[in-house]
Protein backbone atom coordinates (compact mmCIF):
# COMPACT_ATOMS: atom_id res chain seq x y z
CA MET A 1 113.17 358.45 178.46
CA GLN A 2 111.39 355.51 177.92
CA PRO A 3 108.83 355.75 174.75
CA ILE A 4 105.30 356.05 175.17
CA VAL A 5 104.74 353.91 172.14
CA GLN A 6 106.61 351.39 170.34
CA ASP A 7 108.62 353.12 167.89
CA ASP A 8 109.64 349.64 165.66
CA ASN A 9 108.38 347.04 164.04
CA ASP A 10 109.69 343.34 164.68
CA ILE A 11 108.03 341.40 161.76
CA ARG A 12 111.08 340.44 159.64
CA LEU A 13 110.04 340.71 156.11
CA HIS A 14 112.66 339.26 153.74
CA ILE A 15 112.83 337.98 149.94
CA VAL A 16 113.23 334.49 148.66
CA GLN A 17 113.77 333.36 145.11
CA ARG A 18 111.62 330.28 143.74
CA ARG A 19 114.36 328.71 141.39
CA GLU A 20 113.08 327.61 137.84
CA GLY A 21 111.46 324.27 138.24
CA GLU A 22 111.55 324.69 142.00
CA ALA A 23 108.28 322.44 143.81
CA ALA A 24 106.06 324.60 145.77
CA ASP A 25 106.54 321.99 148.64
CA ALA A 26 110.07 322.49 148.84
CA VAL A 27 109.86 326.58 148.85
CA LEU A 28 107.56 326.19 151.71
CA ARG A 29 109.60 323.92 153.69
CA GLY A 30 112.61 325.92 153.69
CA VAL A 31 110.84 329.34 154.41
CA GLY A 32 108.91 327.43 157.63
CA ALA A 33 105.65 329.03 157.16
CA ASP A 34 102.36 328.49 158.99
CA ALA A 35 100.64 329.36 156.27
CA LEU A 36 100.98 329.90 152.20
CA VAL A 37 99.06 333.90 151.20
CA LEU A 38 97.88 333.69 147.77
CA LEU A 39 96.87 337.29 146.75
CA LEU A 40 94.75 336.50 143.84
CA THR A 41 92.69 338.55 140.70
CA GLN A 42 89.54 337.52 140.25
CA ALA A 43 91.13 336.49 136.33
CA GLU A 44 93.85 334.22 138.54
CA LEU A 45 90.93 332.76 140.38
CA ASP A 46 89.66 331.56 137.46
CA ASP A 47 92.92 330.37 135.91
CA ALA A 48 93.31 326.58 137.02
CA ALA A 49 97.12 326.42 135.64
CA ARG A 50 97.92 329.20 138.18
CA LEU A 51 96.68 327.92 141.10
CA ARG A 52 97.99 324.52 140.34
CA HIS A 53 101.84 326.29 139.74
CA TRP A 54 101.57 326.90 143.96
CA LEU A 55 98.70 324.79 145.00
CA PRO A 56 98.45 320.29 144.37
CA GLU A 57 95.25 319.33 142.86
CA THR A 58 93.13 318.91 145.93
CA LEU A 59 93.40 322.40 147.16
CA ALA A 60 93.29 323.90 143.75
CA ALA A 61 90.03 322.34 143.43
CA GLU A 62 88.79 323.22 146.48
CA VAL A 63 89.77 327.02 145.44
CA SER A 64 88.21 326.56 142.63
CA ALA A 65 84.97 324.92 144.63
CA MET A 66 85.24 328.33 146.81
CA ARG A 67 84.60 330.45 143.99
CA GLU A 68 80.97 328.57 142.70
CA ARG A 69 80.30 328.44 146.10
CA GLY A 70 80.60 332.32 146.15
CA GLN A 71 82.66 331.52 149.33
CA PHE A 72 86.02 333.47 147.95
CA ALA A 73 85.44 335.66 144.44
CA ALA A 74 89.05 337.44 144.71
CA LEU A 75 86.99 340.94 145.70
CA LEU A 76 89.12 343.90 147.11
CA GLY A 77 88.49 342.77 150.77
CA GLN A 78 87.83 339.30 150.84
CA ALA A 79 90.58 337.13 152.83
CA GLU A 80 89.71 333.74 153.67
CA ALA A 81 91.16 330.89 154.94
CA LEU A 82 91.33 326.72 155.04
CA PRO A 83 93.30 323.85 156.28
CA THR A 84 96.12 322.16 154.21
CA LEU A 85 95.24 319.34 155.70
CA GLY A 86 99.16 317.71 155.18
CA LEU A 87 98.85 318.62 151.58
CA LEU A 88 101.84 321.53 151.85
CA PRO A 89 103.95 322.26 154.50
CA CYS A 90 102.01 324.66 156.60
CA ARG A 91 98.69 324.17 157.82
CA SER A 92 96.77 326.72 156.60
CA LEU A 93 96.17 328.34 153.15
CA LEU A 94 94.93 332.35 153.20
CA LEU A 95 93.52 333.77 149.69
CA SER A 96 92.91 337.69 149.74
CA GLY A 97 91.24 339.16 147.03
CA LEU A 98 93.14 342.00 144.17
CA GLY A 99 89.91 342.59 142.72
CA ARG A 100 89.96 342.71 138.81
CA ALA A 101 92.85 342.20 136.32
CA ALA A 102 95.43 344.25 136.37
CA ALA A 103 95.68 344.93 139.98
CA GLY A 104 97.42 348.44 140.89
CA ALA A 105 99.58 349.26 143.66
CA ASP A 106 96.58 350.39 145.97
CA ALA A 107 95.23 347.04 145.89
CA TRP A 108 98.22 345.00 146.21
CA ARG A 109 98.60 347.76 149.53
CA ASP A 110 95.15 346.87 150.90
CA ALA A 111 95.18 343.26 149.75
CA GLY A 112 98.53 343.11 151.92
CA VAL A 113 96.56 344.28 155.15
CA TYR A 114 93.37 342.17 154.79
CA ALA A 115 95.62 338.88 154.65
CA ALA A 116 98.09 340.06 157.40
CA ARG A 117 95.03 340.63 159.26
CA ALA A 118 93.69 337.35 158.60
CA ALA A 119 96.83 335.69 159.49
CA LEU A 120 96.53 337.90 163.52
CA ALA A 121 93.18 336.60 164.12
CA ARG A 122 94.63 332.82 162.99
CA GLY A 123 97.37 332.75 164.84
CA LEU A 124 99.32 332.57 162.02
CA ALA A 125 102.82 333.89 162.98
CA ARG A 126 105.06 332.84 159.67
CA LEU A 127 103.83 333.48 156.48
CA ALA A 128 104.57 332.78 153.06
CA LEU A 129 103.67 335.18 150.20
CA PRO A 130 104.58 334.91 146.38
CA LEU A 131 104.71 338.38 144.96
CA PRO A 132 101.26 338.42 142.58
CA ARG A 133 101.83 338.16 139.37
CA VAL A 134 102.09 341.60 137.05
CA ALA A 135 100.32 340.77 133.99
CA ASP A 136 101.32 343.63 131.83
CA GLY A 137 104.12 341.69 130.28
CA ALA A 138 107.71 342.96 131.26
CA ALA A 139 106.45 344.87 134.10
CA GLY A 140 107.99 341.78 136.23
CA ALA A 141 110.93 343.03 135.98
CA VAL A 142 112.78 344.81 138.90
CA THR A 143 114.97 346.63 136.33
CA GLY A 144 114.56 350.23 136.08
CA THR A 145 116.18 350.83 132.43
CA ALA A 146 114.70 353.23 130.02
CA ALA A 147 113.50 349.88 128.26
CA ASP A 148 111.63 348.70 130.67
CA ALA A 149 109.33 351.57 131.83
CA ALA A 150 106.72 349.27 133.36
CA ALA A 151 109.77 348.29 136.04
CA VAL A 152 109.10 351.19 138.40
CA PRO A 153 105.41 350.50 139.08
CA VAL A 154 106.60 346.99 139.56
CA ARG A 155 108.59 348.13 142.77
CA GLU A 156 105.85 350.52 143.76
CA ARG A 157 103.85 348.00 143.73
CA VAL A 158 106.09 345.55 145.86
CA HIS A 159 106.13 348.86 148.00
CA ALA A 160 102.55 348.71 148.29
CA LEU A 161 102.13 345.20 149.37
CA ALA A 162 104.50 345.26 152.03
CA GLU A 163 103.75 348.10 153.31
CA GLY A 164 99.75 346.58 153.85
CA LEU A 165 101.69 343.13 155.58
CA LEU A 166 103.53 345.39 157.63
CA LEU A 167 100.29 347.88 158.97
CA GLY A 168 97.99 344.80 158.93
CA GLY A 169 100.26 342.89 161.33
CA CYS A 170 100.03 345.61 164.13
CA ARG A 171 97.22 345.69 166.91
CA MET A 172 96.20 348.92 169.14
CA PRO A 173 97.92 348.83 172.25
CA SER A 174 96.27 348.58 175.26
CA TYR A 175 95.68 349.73 178.68
CA ALA A 176 93.90 346.64 180.58
CA ALA A 177 95.36 345.37 183.46
CA ALA A 178 93.21 342.07 182.92
CA ALA A 179 95.10 339.09 181.98
CA ARG A 180 93.96 337.83 178.16
CA PRO A 181 94.32 335.36 176.63
CA PRO A 182 98.12 335.31 174.46
CA GLN A 183 97.56 336.26 171.25
CA PRO A 184 100.45 335.49 168.57
CA ALA A 185 101.89 337.65 167.12
CA LEU A 186 102.94 338.02 163.13
CA ARG A 187 106.80 337.56 163.04
CA GLU A 188 107.72 336.58 159.47
CA ILE A 189 107.21 337.01 155.81
CA ALA A 190 109.07 335.90 153.38
CA LEU A 191 107.42 337.48 149.72
CA ILE A 192 108.30 334.48 147.06
CA ALA A 193 109.67 335.91 143.51
CA ASP A 194 109.44 333.35 140.85
CA ARG A 195 112.20 333.55 138.69
CA ALA A 196 109.67 332.38 135.86
CA GLU A 197 108.00 335.61 136.51
CA PHE A 198 110.49 338.19 138.13
CA ALA A 199 113.64 339.03 136.93
CA ALA A 200 116.47 341.03 138.68
CA PRO A 201 118.63 342.61 136.38
CA GLY A 202 121.87 341.20 135.02
CA GLY A 203 120.24 338.12 136.06
CA GLY A 204 121.42 339.24 140.16
CA SER A 205 119.56 339.08 143.46
CA ILE A 206 115.96 339.89 142.89
CA ALA A 207 116.32 340.32 147.43
CA ALA A 208 119.07 343.19 146.43
CA ALA A 209 116.91 344.57 143.60
CA LEU A 210 114.03 344.93 145.73
CA ALA A 211 116.01 346.01 148.93
CA GLN A 212 114.82 349.75 148.63
CA PRO A 213 111.46 349.57 147.88
CA LEU A 214 111.29 346.95 150.72
CA GLU A 215 113.30 349.69 153.19
CA ALA A 216 111.08 352.42 152.21
CA ALA A 217 108.02 350.14 153.13
CA ARG A 218 108.97 349.00 156.45
CA ALA A 219 109.95 352.94 157.17
CA PHE A 220 106.66 354.21 156.11
CA ALA A 221 104.60 351.56 158.21
CA VAL A 222 106.85 352.28 161.31
CA ALA A 223 106.28 356.05 160.42
CA THR A 224 102.22 355.18 160.49
CA GLN A 225 102.31 352.33 163.02
CA TYR A 226 103.67 355.21 165.09
CA ALA A 227 101.10 357.63 164.38
CA ARG A 228 98.41 355.65 165.23
CA ASP A 229 99.79 354.76 168.46
CA LEU A 230 100.59 357.96 169.55
CA THR A 231 97.55 359.39 168.45
CA ASN A 232 95.38 356.87 170.65
CA VAL A 233 97.21 357.40 174.05
CA PRO A 234 94.89 358.78 176.87
CA GLY A 235 95.05 361.98 177.14
CA ASN A 236 95.50 362.13 180.83
CA MET A 237 99.16 359.57 179.67
CA LEU A 238 99.84 362.94 177.01
CA VAL A 239 99.69 366.56 177.51
CA PRO A 240 102.15 369.23 176.57
CA ASP A 241 105.44 368.44 178.36
CA THR A 242 104.85 365.18 177.90
CA LEU A 243 104.81 365.21 174.59
CA ALA A 244 107.38 368.00 173.96
CA ARG A 245 109.55 364.92 175.67
CA GLU A 246 108.27 362.82 173.49
CA ALA A 247 109.60 364.69 170.80
CA ALA A 248 113.20 365.19 172.13
CA ARG A 249 113.30 361.48 172.45
CA VAL A 250 112.70 360.89 168.74
CA ALA A 251 114.90 363.71 167.28
CA ALA A 252 117.30 361.81 169.36
CA ARG A 253 116.89 358.58 168.08
CA TYR A 254 118.21 359.95 164.57
CA GLY A 255 120.63 362.76 165.69
CA MET A 256 118.25 365.74 164.93
CA ALA A 257 117.97 368.52 167.12
CA CYS A 258 115.64 369.64 169.24
CA THR A 259 114.15 372.80 171.24
CA VAL A 260 111.55 373.12 172.98
CA LEU A 261 110.06 376.31 174.63
CA ASP A 262 108.57 376.20 177.93
CA GLU A 263 105.49 378.85 178.97
CA ALA A 264 108.22 381.70 179.98
CA ALA A 265 110.20 381.32 176.80
CA ILE A 266 106.82 381.24 174.72
CA VAL A 267 105.93 384.66 176.25
CA SER A 268 108.98 385.89 176.03
CA HIS A 269 109.07 384.82 171.49
CA GLY A 270 105.45 387.02 171.70
CA MET A 271 103.66 383.73 170.64
CA GLY A 272 100.64 385.30 171.93
CA GLY A 273 98.47 382.79 170.26
CA LEU A 274 100.10 379.49 171.62
CA HIS A 275 100.25 381.12 175.24
CA ALA A 276 96.05 382.34 175.21
CA VAL A 277 94.97 379.12 174.15
CA GLY A 278 97.43 376.89 176.75
CA LYS A 279 97.03 379.52 179.59
CA GLY A 280 93.19 377.87 180.78
CA SER A 281 95.02 374.62 181.74
CA ALA A 282 97.12 373.13 184.25
CA ASN A 283 99.32 371.66 182.04
CA PRO A 284 101.00 374.57 180.25
CA PRO A 285 101.98 375.11 176.63
CA ARG A 286 105.23 373.83 174.92
CA MET A 287 106.86 374.71 171.24
CA ILE A 288 108.54 372.52 170.21
CA SER A 289 110.83 372.43 166.93
CA ILE A 290 113.25 369.90 165.74
CA ARG A 291 115.76 370.38 162.23
CA TYR A 292 116.89 367.57 160.24
CA GLN A 293 119.75 368.66 158.10
CA GLY A 294 120.39 366.10 155.18
CA THR A 295 122.25 368.24 152.75
CA ASP A 296 125.64 370.45 153.19
CA ALA A 297 124.19 374.00 153.61
CA TRP A 298 120.89 374.46 155.53
CA ASP A 299 118.68 375.79 152.07
CA ASN A 300 115.75 375.48 150.56
CA VAL A 301 114.22 374.42 154.20
CA THR A 302 111.06 372.57 154.15
CA GLY A 303 108.49 373.46 156.91
CA LEU A 304 105.94 371.09 158.71
CA VAL A 305 103.65 372.19 161.36
CA GLY A 306 101.29 370.29 162.88
CA LYS A 307 98.35 370.46 165.70
CA GLY A 308 99.55 369.26 169.04
CA ILE A 309 96.69 370.55 170.93
CA THR A 310 97.20 367.41 173.54
CA PHE A 311 92.73 367.50 174.93
CA ASP A 312 90.26 369.48 173.32
CA THR A 313 87.26 370.37 175.47
CA GLY A 314 86.55 373.58 173.40
CA GLY A 315 87.66 375.96 176.41
CA ILE A 316 84.96 378.34 177.14
CA SER A 317 83.15 377.70 174.02
CA LEU A 318 82.64 374.65 175.20
CA LYS A 319 81.91 371.39 173.29
CA LYS A 320 79.15 368.97 173.43
CA PRO A 321 79.79 365.63 175.53
CA ASP A 322 78.80 363.24 173.47
CA GLY A 323 81.87 361.92 171.77
CA MET A 324 84.49 364.20 173.00
CA GLU A 325 86.66 361.15 173.98
CA GLU A 326 87.80 361.26 170.68
CA MET A 327 89.30 364.43 171.61
CA ILE A 328 92.50 362.80 172.57
CA SER A 329 93.04 362.30 169.04
CA ASP A 330 93.50 366.46 168.78
CA MET A 331 96.96 366.16 168.62
CA GLY A 332 96.97 364.42 165.09
CA GLY A 333 99.14 366.82 163.23
CA ALA A 334 101.96 366.22 165.96
CA ALA A 335 101.46 362.38 165.44
CA VAL A 336 101.93 362.48 161.41
CA LEU A 337 105.12 364.47 162.39
CA LEU A 338 106.57 362.87 164.77
CA GLY A 339 105.63 359.66 163.16
CA LEU A 340 107.21 360.72 159.81
CA LEU A 341 110.50 361.29 161.33
CA HIS A 342 110.67 357.87 161.68
CA ALA A 343 110.40 357.50 157.90
CA ILE A 344 113.12 360.26 157.44
CA GLY A 345 115.67 359.57 159.95
CA ARG A 346 115.57 355.74 158.13
CA LEU A 347 115.66 356.74 154.74
CA LYS A 348 117.87 360.09 155.54
CA PRO A 349 116.57 362.17 152.03
CA ARG A 350 118.48 364.10 151.11
CA ILE A 351 115.92 367.72 152.14
CA ASN A 352 116.33 369.80 154.73
CA LEU A 353 113.38 370.01 157.10
CA ILE A 354 112.07 371.91 160.20
CA VAL A 355 109.43 370.79 162.17
CA VAL A 356 107.40 373.02 164.01
CA ILE A 357 104.97 371.50 166.77
CA PRO A 358 102.84 374.02 169.12
CA THR A 359 101.23 371.76 172.06
CA ALA A 360 98.41 373.08 174.10
CA GLU A 361 95.37 371.86 176.33
CA ASN A 362 92.30 374.07 175.61
CA MET A 363 90.81 373.85 178.55
CA PRO A 364 87.86 376.10 180.63
CA SER A 365 89.30 377.85 183.45
CA GLY A 366 89.28 381.19 185.74
CA THR A 367 92.69 381.93 183.55
CA ALA A 368 91.28 380.68 179.80
CA PHE A 369 91.07 382.67 177.22
CA LYS A 370 87.34 384.13 176.12
CA PRO A 371 85.47 385.10 173.15
CA GLY A 372 85.48 388.59 172.00
CA ASP A 373 89.58 388.79 173.36
CA VAL A 374 91.61 389.79 171.65
CA ILE A 375 94.87 388.69 171.11
CA ARG A 376 98.97 389.40 169.81
CA MET A 377 100.36 386.69 167.87
CA MET A 378 104.80 386.34 167.38
CA SER A 379 103.45 388.05 163.55
CA GLY A 380 102.28 390.94 165.33
CA HIS A 381 99.07 390.67 164.20
CA THR A 382 96.24 390.76 166.70
CA VAL A 383 93.18 388.21 166.62
CA GLU A 384 89.73 388.49 167.55
CA ILE A 385 88.65 385.70 169.03
CA ILE A 386 84.75 384.52 168.27
CA ASN A 387 85.14 381.14 169.18
CA THR A 388 87.27 379.66 171.62
CA ASP A 389 86.87 375.83 170.45
CA ALA A 390 88.50 377.27 167.28
CA GLU A 391 91.90 377.12 168.52
CA GLY A 392 93.70 374.94 166.57
CA ARG A 393 94.51 377.66 164.08
CA VAL A 394 95.95 380.11 166.18
CA VAL A 395 98.48 378.02 167.64
CA LEU A 396 99.05 377.05 163.82
CA GLY A 397 99.58 380.65 163.79
CA ASP A 398 102.29 381.03 165.77
CA GLY A 399 104.02 377.57 164.51
CA VAL A 400 103.65 379.27 161.31
CA CYS A 401 105.53 381.84 162.24
CA TYR A 402 108.13 380.60 164.16
CA ALA A 403 108.65 378.40 161.17
CA LYS A 404 109.04 381.27 158.73
CA GLN A 405 111.76 382.35 161.78
CA LEU A 406 113.92 379.19 161.35
CA GLY A 407 114.07 379.13 158.13
CA ALA A 408 111.45 377.16 156.03
CA GLU A 409 111.09 378.57 152.65
CA ARG A 410 107.38 376.52 152.12
CA ILE A 411 105.74 375.38 154.78
CA VAL A 412 102.16 372.41 155.04
CA ASP A 413 100.76 372.54 158.39
CA VAL A 414 98.93 369.24 159.24
CA ALA A 415 95.67 369.47 161.64
CA THR A 416 92.69 368.00 162.89
CA LEU A 417 91.13 371.56 162.27
CA THR A 418 87.60 371.43 161.88
CA GLY A 419 84.44 369.63 162.37
CA ALA A 420 83.41 371.61 159.08
CA VAL A 421 85.87 368.89 157.26
CA LEU A 422 82.93 366.33 157.68
CA VAL A 423 80.64 368.31 156.29
CA SER A 424 82.30 368.26 152.52
CA PHE A 425 84.19 364.85 152.65
CA ALA A 426 82.60 363.01 155.42
CA ASP A 427 85.63 360.74 156.95
CA VAL A 428 86.90 359.65 153.28
CA ALA A 429 88.93 362.51 152.06
CA THR A 430 91.33 364.93 153.52
CA GLY A 431 90.73 368.55 152.88
CA ALA A 432 93.77 370.95 151.28
CA VAL A 433 93.57 374.68 151.26
CA ALA A 434 96.87 376.77 149.41
CA ASN A 435 98.13 379.93 148.18
CA ASP A 436 100.39 377.98 145.74
CA GLU A 437 98.78 375.70 143.46
CA ALA A 438 102.42 374.01 142.14
CA LEU A 439 102.81 372.84 146.34
CA GLN A 440 99.30 371.64 146.40
CA ARG A 441 99.67 369.80 143.23
CA GLU A 442 102.97 367.64 144.45
CA VAL A 443 101.35 366.58 147.69
CA VAL A 444 98.08 366.06 146.16
CA ASP A 445 100.13 363.83 143.73
CA ALA A 446 102.02 362.54 146.76
CA ALA A 447 99.04 361.41 148.42
CA LYS A 448 98.14 359.28 145.34
CA ARG A 449 100.89 357.01 145.12
CA ALA A 450 100.24 356.93 149.02
CA GLY A 451 97.11 355.47 148.33
CA GLU A 452 95.81 358.41 150.58
CA LYS A 453 92.89 360.80 149.52
CA VAL A 454 93.23 364.84 149.72
CA TRP A 455 91.45 366.96 147.82
CA PRO A 456 91.38 370.73 147.32
CA PHE A 457 89.07 373.35 148.56
CA PRO A 458 89.12 377.00 146.37
CA ASN A 459 90.74 379.69 147.63
CA TYR A 460 88.75 382.71 146.55
CA PRO A 461 89.05 386.46 148.05
CA GLU A 462 85.32 386.18 149.27
CA TYR A 463 86.92 383.50 152.38
CA HIS A 464 89.33 385.61 153.33
CA ASP A 465 86.79 388.70 153.51
CA MET A 466 85.07 386.05 156.02
CA LEU A 467 87.66 386.84 158.24
CA ALA A 468 87.78 390.56 158.18
CA SER A 469 87.09 392.34 161.78
CA ASP A 470 86.43 395.28 163.34
CA VAL A 471 88.39 395.23 165.91
CA ALA A 472 91.64 393.05 164.55
CA ASP A 473 93.76 392.62 161.79
CA ILE A 474 91.77 389.05 161.86
CA LYS A 475 88.97 387.40 163.30
CA ASN A 476 89.60 383.16 164.28
CA ALA A 477 86.00 382.50 162.60
CA THR A 478 83.38 383.76 160.41
CA SER A 479 79.91 385.07 162.14
CA ARG A 480 78.46 382.35 160.02
CA ASP A 481 80.40 379.54 161.14
CA ARG A 482 78.79 377.24 158.69
CA TRP A 483 79.86 378.76 156.20
CA ALA A 484 82.86 377.53 154.64
CA GLY A 485 84.40 376.46 157.91
CA SER A 486 87.16 374.24 156.75
CA ILE A 487 88.15 377.06 153.90
CA THR A 488 88.30 379.57 156.10
CA GLY A 489 89.58 378.24 159.28
CA GLY A 490 92.70 377.04 156.70
CA LEU A 491 92.91 380.35 155.20
CA PHE A 492 93.46 381.51 158.94
CA ILE A 493 96.45 379.79 159.16
CA GLY A 494 97.76 380.70 155.63
CA TYR A 495 97.17 384.80 156.72
CA PHE A 496 100.34 383.91 158.57
CA ALA A 497 102.51 382.28 155.84
CA GLY A 498 101.47 385.71 154.34
CA GLU A 499 104.11 385.25 150.56
CA THR A 500 105.36 382.01 151.62
CA PRO A 501 103.97 378.85 149.53
CA TRP A 502 101.55 377.49 152.35
CA LEU A 503 99.64 374.48 152.24
CA HIS A 504 97.14 373.07 154.74
CA LEU A 505 95.73 369.39 154.85
CA ASP A 506 92.85 369.42 157.27
CA THR A 507 92.86 365.90 158.66
CA GLY A 508 89.46 366.83 160.92
CA GLY A 509 87.93 363.50 159.50
CA THR A 510 90.26 361.43 158.41
CA ALA A 511 93.00 361.65 161.90
CA TRP A 512 90.17 359.15 163.89
CA LEU A 513 87.88 356.78 163.30
CA TRP A 514 85.22 355.31 165.60
CA ASN A 515 85.07 351.89 163.58
CA GLU A 516 87.38 349.85 161.63
CA ARG A 517 87.04 350.64 158.03
CA GLY A 518 88.69 348.90 155.11
CA THR A 519 91.77 348.58 155.54
CA GLU A 520 92.11 351.22 158.00
CA PRO A 521 91.69 351.03 162.07
CA LYS A 522 89.41 351.86 164.53
CA GLY A 523 90.70 355.11 166.24
CA GLY A 524 94.13 357.27 164.87
CA THR A 525 94.37 356.15 161.48
CA GLY A 526 98.38 358.12 160.52
CA ALA A 527 96.35 359.66 158.12
CA MET A 528 98.90 361.76 155.69
CA VAL A 529 102.16 360.32 156.97
CA ARG A 530 102.68 358.21 153.86
CA THR A 531 101.82 361.20 151.56
CA LEU A 532 104.50 363.60 153.15
CA ALA A 533 106.81 360.55 153.20
CA HIS A 534 106.27 360.10 149.28
CA TRP A 535 106.14 363.50 148.83
CA LEU A 536 109.70 364.01 150.67
CA CYS A 537 111.26 361.24 149.80
CA ARG A 538 110.06 361.26 145.75
CA THR A 539 113.69 360.94 144.70
CA GLU A 540 114.98 358.09 146.91
CA GLU A 541 112.01 356.17 145.60
CA THR A 542 112.12 356.16 142.41
CA GLU A 543 116.39 355.65 142.19
């Protein structure tokens, strides 16, 4: 089967070591770059000696003049270009700001995105980028010994920079038939490590010492871009069966076992929630499960459950038409997990993982489920349907139950669950609610390393009470649906987790953006791919 979207990144990314005393001209000539890219902090922009370390006097003076004119102040988010006019063996100089003097991993990632975007806009296919100097003493070393406690942050920063460059170098696919002027793609990035500022253990190869963070960065970038592209696929091109076939293809690529339940099997398994949501559509639902076994024994299994509503009209509780086209992104949770499998398959962490994706279209028809219906879930519990537009939590209830049946001992679900999360956090942060503080803390810490924003909601008994039903075990929405909508929506899913440690991530505000914002693209963002990758691959990243 052909992939629905590209699932690789063909930008060549490699390390070049600048020998002590080697002229900048010689390094750039060896790389064959179209542009030299300098990532500068505000302090380095004021450091004439630092600029002359890479630039001839005339270009260094012009960069200083740009600062004086207010043209470039090395602020995070700024990227400027100027011609080298033959003063360097490449045609352009790109400047990207790192912000304050002690730039951390997030700044390196963001500056990498802006630099790659600027290169794409100018048709620059091959870049040479000196690794930014680390201002905190021995932190420039890439060893990981106890004597050099600052070493791990350097690898994290290099990972973040490489990740940003790879993500910034990608474009959204187009379905346009009309011919467009060809745009050169970003093909190669050489990261230059200066021997005077970066030292490998025992005087060895810096390329070898940084191989692991670069490999992880590529895996995370491929995973994120895949999730973005899959989220952007139009609803007529991605229905539940198509998504199931794509999941099977991704699993087969990495030797993972994949099982797909069709509508008859969904009914026979008692998955009344998924069946109810999907039965209003001409495209029947599917239940997808993918198993990754990274240890000898199938134990200590982590379950991930992703919402796979390939289009959401709201069903009988029909949405307003304005903006409904965004509902192609309602399978954003599924896209995150399928993207994540690319990172897992490449890095092969020693973990056991079960991925479950309940997928359906939520459509109004004569066979659609209705407000007031009572349905029976896979767990045996009954649900009173208050609002058919609260369908994601219903399919996820069956997904969580299925993950437990398949051996999950802790569960994280990812879903574009509520519009209410936008009221709380706008489109800036992902909301979280959990029944296990330790699990929640692990994932929130991973989000900080990934540069993604996650903020926990409270889990108080009063919120559970809001879901009490007079005619069923639980109802799928509160009577006052503007009150605590994100919390109660998440807790509905948690009801089916029971005593199993569980965390819900509501990406209703972060999975899709109407316009490019900062380093995040227009359309699908892949929010939470890198958070989950950092969480699941955390041991391998720090070895």
